[in-house]
Amino acid sequence: ADRLLTAAGFDRGRSYPLVTSDDVPGLAESATLFAHEMRKVGVQ
């Protein structure tokens, strides 16, 4: 993941909004989990 982000020139120096809702059970929680996992490769 780190190599792919680096090769793509992905800017890890800023934060990105991940928009979600509570429309479906677990949807907002999945967004929170995804955001947590992305921090492991320096994506905020």
All heavy atoms as atom14 arrays in JSON, in Angstrom:
{
  "sequence": "ADRLLTAAGFDRGRSYPLVTSDDVPGLAESATLFAHEMRKVGVQ",
  "atom14_mask": [
    [1, 1, 1, 1, 1, 0, 0, 0, 0, 0, 0, 0, 0, 0],
    [1, 1, 1, 1, 1, 1, 1, 1, 0, 0, 0, 0, 0, 0],
    [1, 1, 1, 1, 1, 1, 1, 1, 1, 1, 1, 0, 0, 0],
    [1, 1, 1, 1, 1, 1, 1, 1, 0, 0, 0, 0, 0, 0],
    [1, 1, 1, 1, 1, 1, 1, 1, 0, 0, 0, 0, 0, 0],
    [1, 1, 1, 1, 1, 1, 1, 0, 0, 0, 0, 0, 0, 0],
    [1, 1, 1, 1, 1, 0, 0, 0, 0, 0, 0, 0, 0, 0],
    [1, 1, 1, 1, 1, 0, 0, 0, 0, 0, 0, 0, 0, 0],
    [1, 1, 1, 1, 0, 0, 0, 0, 0, 0, 0, 0, 0, 0],
    [1, 1, 1, 1, 1, 1, 1, 1, 1, 1, 1, 0, 0, 0],
    [1, 1, 1, 1, 1, 1, 1, 1, 0, 0, 0, 0, 0, 0],
    [1, 1, 1, 1, 1, 1, 1, 1, 1, 1, 1, 0, 0, 0],
    [1, 1, 1, 1, 0, 0, 0, 0, 0, 0, 0, 0, 0, 0],
    [1, 1, 1, 1, 1, 1, 1, 1, 1, 1, 1, 0, 0, 0],
    [1, 1, 1, 1, 1, 1, 0, 0, 0, 0, 0, 0, 0, 0],
    [1, 1, 1, 1, 1, 1, 1, 1, 1, 1, 1, 1, 0, 0],
    [1, 1, 1, 1, 1, 1, 1, 0, 0, 0, 0, 0, 0, 0],
    [1, 1, 1, 1, 1, 1, 1, 1, 0, 0, 0, 0, 0, 0],
    [1, 1, 1, 1, 1, 1, 1, 0, 0, 0, 0, 0, 0, 0],
    [1, 1, 1, 1, 1, 1, 1, 0, 0, 0, 0, 0, 0, 0],
    [1, 1, 1, 1, 1, 1, 0, 0, 0, 0, 0, 0, 0, 0],
    [1, 1, 1, 1, 1, 1, 1, 1, 0, 0, 0, 0, 0, 0],
    [1, 1, 1, 1, 1, 1, 1, 1, 0, 0, 0, 0, 0, 0],
    [1, 1, 1, 1, 1, 1, 1, 0, 0, 0, 0, 0, 0, 0],
    [1, 1, 1, 1, 1, 1, 1, 0, 0, 0, 0, 0, 0, 0],
    [1, 1, 1, 1, 0, 0, 0, 0, 0, 0, 0, 0, 0, 0],
    [1, 1, 1, 1, 1, 1, 1, 1, 0, 0, 0, 0, 0, 0],
    [1, 1, 1, 1, 1, 0, 0, 0, 0, 0, 0, 0, 0, 0],
    [1, 1, 1, 1, 1, 1, 1, 1, 1, 0, 0, 0, 0, 0],
    [1, 1, 1, 1, 1, 1, 0, 0, 0, 0, 0, 0, 0, 0],
    [1, 1, 1, 1, 1, 0, 0, 0, 0, 0, 0, 0, 0, 0],
    [1, 1, 1, 1, 1, 1, 1, 0, 0, 0, 0, 0, 0, 0],
    [1, 1, 1, 1, 1, 1, 1, 1, 0, 0, 0, 0, 0, 0],
    [1, 1, 1, 1, 1, 1, 1, 1, 1, 1, 1, 0, 0, 0],
    [1, 1, 1, 1, 1, 0, 0, 0, 0, 0, 0, 0, 0, 0],
    [1, 1, 1, 1, 1, 1, 1, 1, 1, 1, 0, 0, 0, 0],
    [1, 1, 1, 1, 1, 1, 1, 1, 1, 0, 0, 0, 0, 0],
    [1, 1, 1, 1, 1, 1, 1, 1, 0, 0, 0, 0, 0, 0],
    [1, 1, 1, 1, 1, 1, 1, 1, 1, 1, 1, 0, 0, 0],
    [1, 1, 1, 1, 1, 1, 1, 1, 1, 0, 0, 0, 0, 0],
    [1, 1, 1, 1, 1, 1, 1, 0, 0, 0, 0, 0, 0, 0],
    [1, 1, 1, 1, 0, 0, 0, 0, 0, 0, 0, 0, 0, 0],
    [1, 1, 1, 1, 1, 1, 1, 0, 0, 0, 0, 0, 0, 0],
    [1, 1, 1, 1, 1, 1, 1, 1, 1, 0, 0, 0, 0, 0]
  ],
  "atom14_positions": [
    [[0.84, -1.2, 0.0], [0.0, 0.0, 0.0], [0.87, 1.25, 0.0], [0.61, 2.2, -0.76], [-0.94, -0.01, 1.2], [0.0, 0.0, 0.0], [0.0, 0.0, 0.0], [0.0, 0.0, 0.0], [0.0, 0.0, 0.0], [0.0, 0.0, 0.0], [0.0, 0.0, 0.0], [0.0, 0.0, 0.0], [0.0, 0.0, 0.0], [0.0, 0.0, 0.0]],
    [[1.91, 1.25, 0.81], [2.82, 2.39, 0.87], [3.5, 2.61, -0.49], [3.57, 3.74, -0.98], [3.87, 2.17, 1.97], [4.8, 3.34, 2.1], [4.33, 4.44, 2.47], [6.01, 3.16, 1.82], [0.0, 0.0, 0.0], [0.0, 0.0, 0.0], [0.0, 0.0, 0.0], [0.0, 0.0, 0.0], [0.0, 0.0, 0.0], [0.0, 0.0, 0.0]],
    [[3.97, 1.53, -1.12], [4.62, 1.64, -2.43], [3.66, 2.17, -3.49], [4.01, 3.03, -4.3], [5.17, 0.28, -2.88], [6.45, -0.14, -2.18], [7.11, -1.33, -2.86], [6.23, -2.45, -3.13], [6.0, -3.47, -2.3], [6.59, -3.52, -1.13], [5.19, -4.44, -2.64], [0.0, 0.0, 0.0], [0.0, 0.0, 0.0], [0.0, 0.0, 0.0]],
    [[2.41, 1.68, -3.49], [1.43, 2.13, -4.47], [1.08, 3.61, -4.29], [0.98, 4.35, -5.27], [0.16, 1.27, -4.39], [0.32, -0.17, -4.88], [-0.92, -0.99, -4.51], [0.57, -0.22, -6.38], [0.0, 0.0, 0.0], [0.0, 0.0, 0.0], [0.0, 0.0, 0.0], [0.0, 0.0, 0.0], [0.0, 0.0, 0.0], [0.0, 0.0, 0.0]],
    [[0.9, 4.03, -3.05], [0.6, 5.44, -2.78], [1.77, 6.33, -3.2], [1.57, 7.39, -3.8], [0.27, 5.65, -1.3], [-1.07, 5.08, -0.85], [-1.15, 5.04, 0.68], [-2.22, 5.88, -1.43], [0.0, 0.0, 0.0], [0.0, 0.0, 0.0], [0.0, 0.0, 0.0], [0.0, 0.0, 0.0], [0.0, 0.0, 0.0], [0.0, 0.0, 0.0]],
    [[2.98, 5.89, -2.91], [4.17, 6.66, -3.29], [4.29, 6.73, -4.81], [4.52, 7.8, -5.38], [5.43, 6.04, -2.67], [5.3, 6.07, -1.24], [6.68, 6.79, -3.09], [0.0, 0.0, 0.0], [0.0, 0.0, 0.0], [0.0, 0.0, 0.0], [0.0, 0.0, 0.0], [0.0, 0.0, 0.0], [0.0, 0.0, 0.0], [0.0, 0.0, 0.0]],
    [[4.12, 5.6, -5.48], [4.22, 5.56, -6.95], [3.16, 6.44, -7.6], [3.4, 7.04, -8.65], [4.09, 4.12, -7.45], [0.0, 0.0, 0.0], [0.0, 0.0, 0.0], [0.0, 0.0, 0.0], [0.0, 0.0, 0.0], [0.0, 0.0, 0.0], [0.0, 0.0, 0.0], [0.0, 0.0, 0.0], [0.0, 0.0, 0.0], [0.0, 0.0, 0.0]],
    [[1.99, 6.55, -6.96], [0.92, 7.38, -7.52], [1.1, 8.85, -7.19], [0.36, 9.7, -7.69], [-0.43, 6.9, -6.97], [0.0, 0.0, 0.0], [0.0, 0.0, 0.0], [0.0, 0.0, 0.0], [0.0, 0.0, 0.0], [0.0, 0.0, 0.0], [0.0, 0.0, 0.0], [0.0, 0.0, 0.0], [0.0, 0.0, 0.0], [0.0, 0.0, 0.0]],
    [[2.08, 9.16, -6.35], [2.3, 10.55, -5.96], [1.21, 11.08, -5.04], [0.92, 12.27, -5.03], [0.0, 0.0, 0.0], [0.0, 0.0, 0.0], [0.0, 0.0, 0.0], [0.0, 0.0, 0.0], [0.0, 0.0, 0.0], [0.0, 0.0, 0.0], [0.0, 0.0, 0.0], [0.0, 0.0, 0.0], [0.0, 0.0, 0.0], [0.0, 0.0, 0.0]],
    [[0.61, 10.2, -4.27], [-0.5, 10.57, -3.39], [-0.01, 11.5, -2.28], [0.98, 11.21, -1.62], [-1.15, 9.31, -2.78], [-2.41, 9.59, -2.04], [-3.61, 9.7, -2.71], [-2.38, 9.75, -0.67], [-4.78, 9.96, -2.02], [-3.56, 10.01, 0.03], [-4.75, 10.12, -0.65], [0.0, 0.0, 0.0], [0.0, 0.0, 0.0], [0.0, 0.0, 0.0]],
    [[-0.7, 12.61, -2.08], [-0.33, 13.6, -1.08], [-0.81, 13.15, 0.3], [-1.99, 13.25, 0.63], [-0.94, 14.96, -1.43], [-0.56, 16.06, -0.47], [0.2, 15.79, 0.49], [-1.04, 17.2, -0.66], [0.0, 0.0, 0.0], [0.0, 0.0, 0.0], [0.0, 0.0, 0.0], [0.0, 0.0, 0.0], [0.0, 0.0, 0.0], [0.0, 0.0, 0.0]],
    [[0.13, 12.67, 1.11], [-0.22, 12.23, 2.46], [-0.03, 13.35, 3.48], [-0.13, 13.13, 4.67], [0.63, 11.02, 2.84], [0.25, 9.81, 2.0], [0.96, 8.57, 2.47], [1.81, 8.08, 1.4], [2.48, 6.96, 1.47], [2.44, 6.21, 2.53], [3.23, 6.58, 0.46], [0.0, 0.0, 0.0], [0.0, 0.0, 0.0], [0.0, 0.0, 0.0]],
    [[0.21, 14.54, 3.0], [0.41, 15.67, 3.89], [-0.86, 16.43, 4.21], [-0.82, 17.44, 4.91], [0.0, 0.0, 0.0], [0.0, 0.0, 0.0], [0.0, 0.0, 0.0], [0.0, 0.0, 0.0], [0.0, 0.0, 0.0], [0.0, 0.0, 0.0], [0.0, 0.0, 0.0], [0.0, 0.0, 0.0], [0.0, 0.0, 0.0], [0.0, 0.0, 0.0]],
    [[-1.97, 15.97, 3.72], [-3.24, 16.65, 3.99], [-4.3, 15.64, 4.41], [-4.08, 14.43, 4.3], [-3.7, 17.46, 2.79], [-3.94, 16.64, 1.53], [-4.49, 17.49, 0.4], [-5.9, 17.75, 0.6], [-6.85, 17.39, -0.26], [-6.54, 16.79, -1.38], [-8.1, 17.65, -0.01], [0.0, 0.0, 0.0], [0.0, 0.0, 0.0], [0.0, 0.0, 0.0]],
    [[-5.43, 16.13, 4.86], [-6.55, 15.29, 5.27], [-7.62, 15.33, 4.19], [-7.81, 16.35, 3.52], [-7.13, 15.8, 6.6], [-8.21, 15.01, 7.0], [0.0, 0.0, 0.0], [0.0, 0.0, 0.0], [0.0, 0.0, 0.0], [0.0, 0.0, 0.0], [0.0, 0.0, 0.0], [0.0, 0.0, 0.0], [0.0, 0.0, 0.0], [0.0, 0.0, 0.0]],
    [[-8.31, 14.22, 4.01], [-9.34, 14.1, 2.98], [-10.68, 13.75, 3.64], [-10.73, 12.87, 4.5], [-8.99, 12.98, 1.98], [-7.7, 13.23, 1.26], [-6.48, 12.81, 1.79], [-7.69, 13.9, 0.04], [-5.29, 13.05, 1.12], [-6.5, 14.14, -0.63], [-5.31, 13.72, -0.08], [-4.14, 13.96, -0.74], [0.0, 0.0, 0.0], [0.0, 0.0, 0.0]],
    [[-11.77, 14.41, 3.23], [-13.07, 14.05, 3.8], [-13.58, 12.74, 3.2], [-13.5, 12.51, 2.0], [-13.97, 15.22, 3.41], [-13.31, 15.85, 2.23], [-11.84, 15.57, 2.34], [0.0, 0.0, 0.0], [0.0, 0.0, 0.0], [0.0, 0.0, 0.0], [0.0, 0.0, 0.0], [0.0, 0.0, 0.0], [0.0, 0.0, 0.0], [0.0, 0.0, 0.0]],
    [[-14.1, 11.87, 4.06], [-14.78, 10.64, 3.66], [-16.22, 10.8, 4.11], [-16.52, 10.78, 5.29], [-14.14, 9.42, 4.31], [-14.87, 8.08, 4.16], [-15.11, 7.72, 2.7], [-14.12, 6.98, 4.88], [0.0, 0.0, 0.0], [0.0, 0.0, 0.0], [0.0, 0.0, 0.0], [0.0, 0.0, 0.0], [0.0, 0.0, 0.0], [0.0, 0.0, 0.0]],
    [[-17.12, 11.02, 3.16], [-18.51, 11.34, 3.46], [-19.32, 10.05, 3.61], [-19.18, 9.12, 2.82], [-19.12, 12.24, 2.36], [-20.53, 12.66, 2.72], [-18.24, 13.46, 2.12], [0.0, 0.0, 0.0], [0.0, 0.0, 0.0], [0.0, 0.0, 0.0], [0.0, 0.0, 0.0], [0.0, 0.0, 0.0], [0.0, 0.0, 0.0], [0.0, 0.0, 0.0]],
    [[-20.16, 10.03, 4.64], [-20.97, 8.85, 4.92], [-22.3, 9.29, 5.54], [-22.55, 10.48, 5.73], [-20.22, 7.87, 5.84], [-20.94, 6.63, 5.89], [-20.04, 8.43, 7.24], [0.0, 0.0, 0.0], [0.0, 0.0, 0.0], [0.0, 0.0, 0.0], [0.0, 0.0, 0.0], [0.0, 0.0, 0.0], [0.0, 0.0, 0.0], [0.0, 0.0, 0.0]],
    [[-23.14, 8.32, 5.85], [-24.43, 8.58, 6.5], [-24.8, 7.38, 7.37], [-24.1, 6.38, 7.37], [-25.52, 8.83, 5.46], [-25.92, 7.61, 4.87], [0.0, 0.0, 0.0], [0.0, 0.0, 0.0], [0.0, 0.0, 0.0], [0.0, 0.0, 0.0], [0.0, 0.0, 0.0], [0.0, 0.0, 0.0], [0.0, 0.0, 0.0], [0.0, 0.0, 0.0]],
    [[-25.91, 7.52, 8.06], [-26.44, 6.41, 8.86], [-27.57, 5.7, 8.13], [-28.37, 5.01, 8.75], [-26.97, 6.93, 10.21], [-25.88, 7.15, 11.22], [-24.89, 6.41, 11.19], [-26.02, 8.06, 12.05], [0.0, 0.0, 0.0], [0.0, 0.0, 0.0], [0.0, 0.0, 0.0], [0.0, 0.0, 0.0], [0.0, 0.0, 0.0], [0.0, 0.0, 0.0]],
    [[-27.65, 5.85, 6.81], [-28.76, 5.29, 6.04], [-28.88, 3.77, 6.17], [-29.96, 3.22, 6.08], [-28.62, 5.64, 4.56], [-28.98, 7.08, 4.27], [-29.33, 7.81, 5.21], [-28.9, 7.48, 3.1], [0.0, 0.0, 0.0], [0.0, 0.0, 0.0], [0.0, 0.0, 0.0], [0.0, 0.0, 0.0], [0.0, 0.0, 0.0], [0.0, 0.0, 0.0]],
    [[-27.75, 3.11, 6.33], [-27.72, 1.65, 6.39], [-26.96, 1.26, 7.65], [-25.91, 1.85, 7.94], [-27.0, 1.08, 5.14], [-26.85, -0.42, 5.22], [-27.72, 1.48, 3.88], [0.0, 0.0, 0.0], [0.0, 0.0, 0.0], [0.0, 0.0, 0.0], [0.0, 0.0, 0.0], [0.0, 0.0, 0.0], [0.0, 0.0, 0.0], [0.0, 0.0, 0.0]],
    [[-27.45, 0.29, 8.4], [-26.72, -0.13, 9.6], [-25.27, -0.53, 9.27], [-25.02, -1.29, 8.34], [-27.5, -1.35, 10.09], [-28.89, -1.14, 9.56], [-28.7, -0.45, 8.23], [0.0, 0.0, 0.0], [0.0, 0.0, 0.0], [0.0, 0.0, 0.0], [0.0, 0.0, 0.0], [0.0, 0.0, 0.0], [0.0, 0.0, 0.0], [0.0, 0.0, 0.0]],
    [[-24.33, 0.08, 9.99], [-22.92, -0.24, 9.81], [-22.19, 0.64, 8.81], [-20.97, 0.59, 8.71], [0.0, 0.0, 0.0], [0.0, 0.0, 0.0], [0.0, 0.0, 0.0], [0.0, 0.0, 0.0], [0.0, 0.0, 0.0], [0.0, 0.0, 0.0], [0.0, 0.0, 0.0], [0.0, 0.0, 0.0], [0.0, 0.0, 0.0], [0.0, 0.0, 0.0]],
    [[-22.91, 1.47, 8.06], [-22.28, 2.27, 7.01], [-21.32, 3.31, 7.59], [-20.15, 3.37, 7.18], [-23.33, 2.95, 6.14], [-22.83, 3.62, 4.87], [-22.24, 2.59, 3.91], [-23.98, 4.37, 4.19], [0.0, 0.0, 0.0], [0.0, 0.0, 0.0], [0.0, 0.0, 0.0], [0.0, 0.0, 0.0], [0.0, 0.0, 0.0], [0.0, 0.0, 0.0]],
    [[-21.77, 4.09, 8.56], [-20.9, 5.1, 9.17], [-19.76, 4.42, 9.93], [-18.62, 4.9, 9.89], [-21.7, 6.0, 10.1], [0.0, 0.0, 0.0], [0.0, 0.0, 0.0], [0.0, 0.0, 0.0], [0.0, 0.0, 0.0], [0.0, 0.0, 0.0], [0.0, 0.0, 0.0], [0.0, 0.0, 0.0], [0.0, 0.0, 0.0], [0.0, 0.0, 0.0]],
    [[-20.05, 3.32, 10.59], [-19.01, 2.6, 11.32], [-17.95, 2.05, 10.37], [-16.76, 2.03, 10.69], [-19.62, 1.47, 12.15], [-20.5, 1.94, 13.29], [-21.93, 2.29, 12.88], [-22.27, 2.2, 11.68], [-22.71, 2.68, 13.76], [0.0, 0.0, 0.0], [0.0, 0.0, 0.0], [0.0, 0.0, 0.0], [0.0, 0.0, 0.0], [0.0, 0.0, 0.0]],
    [[-18.37, 1.61, 9.19], [-17.39, 1.11, 8.21], [-16.47, 2.23, 7.74], [-15.29, 2.02, 7.5], [-18.08, 0.44, 7.02], [-18.68, 1.38, 6.16], [0.0, 0.0, 0.0], [0.0, 0.0, 0.0], [0.0, 0.0, 0.0], [0.0, 0.0, 0.0], [0.0, 0.0, 0.0], [0.0, 0.0, 0.0], [0.0, 0.0, 0.0], [0.0, 0.0, 0.0]],
    [[-17.01, 3.44, 7.61], [-16.19, 4.59, 7.22], [-15.15, 4.89, 8.3], [-13.99, 5.16, 8.0], [-17.07, 5.81, 6.97], [0.0, 0.0, 0.0], [0.0, 0.0, 0.0], [0.0, 0.0, 0.0], [0.0, 0.0, 0.0], [0.0, 0.0, 0.0], [0.0, 0.0, 0.0], [0.0, 0.0, 0.0], [0.0, 0.0, 0.0], [0.0, 0.0, 0.0]],
    [[-15.57, 4.82, 9.56], [-14.65, 5.06, 10.67], [-13.55, 4.01, 10.7], [-12.37, 4.33, 10.88], [-15.42, 5.08, 12.01], [-16.41, 6.12, 11.94], [-14.5, 5.31, 13.18], [0.0, 0.0, 0.0], [0.0, 0.0, 0.0], [0.0, 0.0, 0.0], [0.0, 0.0, 0.0], [0.0, 0.0, 0.0], [0.0, 0.0, 0.0], [0.0, 0.0, 0.0]],
    [[-13.92, 2.76, 10.49], [-12.92, 1.68, 10.46], [-11.96, 1.87, 9.28], [-10.74, 1.72, 9.44], [-13.62, 0.33, 10.35], [-12.7, -0.89, 10.23], [-11.79, -1.01, 11.46], [-13.52, -2.15, 10.04], [0.0, 0.0, 0.0], [0.0, 0.0, 0.0], [0.0, 0.0, 0.0], [0.0, 0.0, 0.0], [0.0, 0.0, 0.0], [0.0, 0.0, 0.0]],
    [[-12.48, 2.23, 8.12], [-11.63, 2.45, 6.95], [-10.64, 3.59, 7.22], [-9.45, 3.48, 6.91], [-12.49, 2.76, 5.72], [-11.7, 2.97, 4.46], [-10.99, 1.94, 3.88], [-11.67, 4.21, 3.85], [-10.26, 2.12, 2.7], [-10.94, 4.42, 2.69], [-10.24, 3.38, 2.12], [0.0, 0.0, 0.0], [0.0, 0.0, 0.0], [0.0, 0.0, 0.0]],
    [[-11.13, 4.68, 7.82], [-10.25, 5.81, 8.14], [-9.14, 5.38, 9.11], [-7.98, 5.75, 8.94], [-11.06, 6.96, 8.73], [0.0, 0.0, 0.0], [0.0, 0.0, 0.0], [0.0, 0.0, 0.0], [0.0, 0.0, 0.0], [0.0, 0.0, 0.0], [0.0, 0.0, 0.0], [0.0, 0.0, 0.0], [0.0, 0.0, 0.0], [0.0, 0.0, 0.0]],
    [[-9.51, 4.57, 10.09], [-8.52, 4.04, 11.05], [-7.45, 3.21, 10.32], [-6.25, 3.36, 10.57], [-9.23, 3.2, 12.11], [-8.31, 2.48, 13.02], [-7.65, 3.1, 14.07], [-7.9, 1.19, 13.03], [-6.89, 2.21, 14.68], [-7.02, 1.04, 14.08], [0.0, 0.0, 0.0], [0.0, 0.0, 0.0], [0.0, 0.0, 0.0], [0.0, 0.0, 0.0]],
    [[-7.87, 2.34, 9.43], [-6.93, 1.48, 8.7], [-6.03, 2.3, 7.78], [-4.85, 1.99, 7.62], [-7.68, 0.41, 7.91], [-8.37, -0.62, 8.78], [-7.37, -1.41, 9.62], [-6.43, -2.0, 9.07], [-7.53, -1.41, 10.87], [0.0, 0.0, 0.0], [0.0, 0.0, 0.0], [0.0, 0.0, 0.0], [0.0, 0.0, 0.0], [0.0, 0.0, 0.0]],
    [[-6.56, 3.34, 7.16], [-5.77, 4.16, 6.24], [-4.67, 4.94, 6.97], [-3.63, 5.24, 6.39], [-6.67, 5.12, 5.46], [-7.59, 4.41, 4.46], [-6.7, 3.4, 3.26], [-5.89, 4.68, 2.32], [0.0, 0.0, 0.0], [0.0, 0.0, 0.0], [0.0, 0.0, 0.0], [0.0, 0.0, 0.0], [0.0, 0.0, 0.0], [0.0, 0.0, 0.0]],
    [[-4.88, 5.25, 8.25], [-3.83, 5.94, 9.02], [-2.57, 5.09, 9.1], [-1.47, 5.63, 9.25], [-4.34, 6.26, 10.43], [-5.25, 7.47, 10.46], [-5.46, 8.0, 11.88], [-6.15, 7.08, 12.77], [-7.46, 7.0, 12.91], [-8.25, 7.79, 12.22], [-7.99, 6.15, 13.76], [0.0, 0.0, 0.0], [0.0, 0.0, 0.0], [0.0, 0.0, 0.0]],
    [[-2.7, 3.78, 8.98], [-1.53, 2.9, 9.05], [-0.56, 3.13, 7.9], [0.61, 2.76, 7.99], [-1.97, 1.43, 9.07], [-2.74, 1.04, 10.33], [-3.19, -0.4, 10.25], [-3.99, -0.79, 11.48], [-4.46, -2.18, 11.41], [0.0, 0.0, 0.0], [0.0, 0.0, 0.0], [0.0, 0.0, 0.0], [0.0, 0.0, 0.0], [0.0, 0.0, 0.0]],
    [[-1.04, 3.73, 6.8], [-0.16, 4.05, 5.67], [-0.05, 5.56, 5.47], [0.32, 6.03, 4.39], [-0.6, 3.34, 4.36], [-0.37, 1.84, 4.45], [-2.04, 3.67, 4.01], [0.0, 0.0, 0.0], [0.0, 0.0, 0.0], [0.0, 0.0, 0.0], [0.0, 0.0, 0.0], [0.0, 0.0, 0.0], [0.0, 0.0, 0.0], [0.0, 0.0, 0.0]],
    [[-0.37, 6.3, 6.51], [-0.18, 7.74, 6.48], [-1.23, 8.55, 5.76], [-1.01, 9.71, 5.44], [0.0, 0.0, 0.0], [0.0, 0.0, 0.0], [0.0, 0.0, 0.0], [0.0, 0.0, 0.0], [0.0, 0.0, 0.0], [0.0, 0.0, 0.0], [0.0, 0.0, 0.0], [0.0, 0.0, 0.0], [0.0, 0.0, 0.0], [0.0, 0.0, 0.0]],
    [[-2.39, 7.97, 5.51], [-3.49, 8.69, 4.87], [-4.47, 9.13, 5.94], [-4.99, 8.29, 6.69], [-4.19, 7.82, 3.81], [-5.4, 8.55, 3.23], [-3.21, 7.43, 2.7], [0.0, 0.0, 0.0], [0.0, 0.0, 0.0], [0.0, 0.0, 0.0], [0.0, 0.0, 0.0], [0.0, 0.0, 0.0], [0.0, 0.0, 0.0], [0.0, 0.0, 0.0]],
    [[-4.71, 10.42, 6.02], [-5.62, 10.99, 7.01], [-6.99, 11.22, 6.38], [-7.11, 12.0, 5.44], [-5.08, 12.31, 7.56], [-3.71, 12.2, 8.2], [-3.71, 11.22, 9.38], [-4.59, 11.25, 10.22], [-2.72, 10.35, 9.41], [0.0, 0.0, 0.0], [0.0, 0.0, 0.0], [0.0, 0.0, 0.0], [0.0, 0.0, 0.0], [0.0, 0.0, 0.0]]
  ]
}
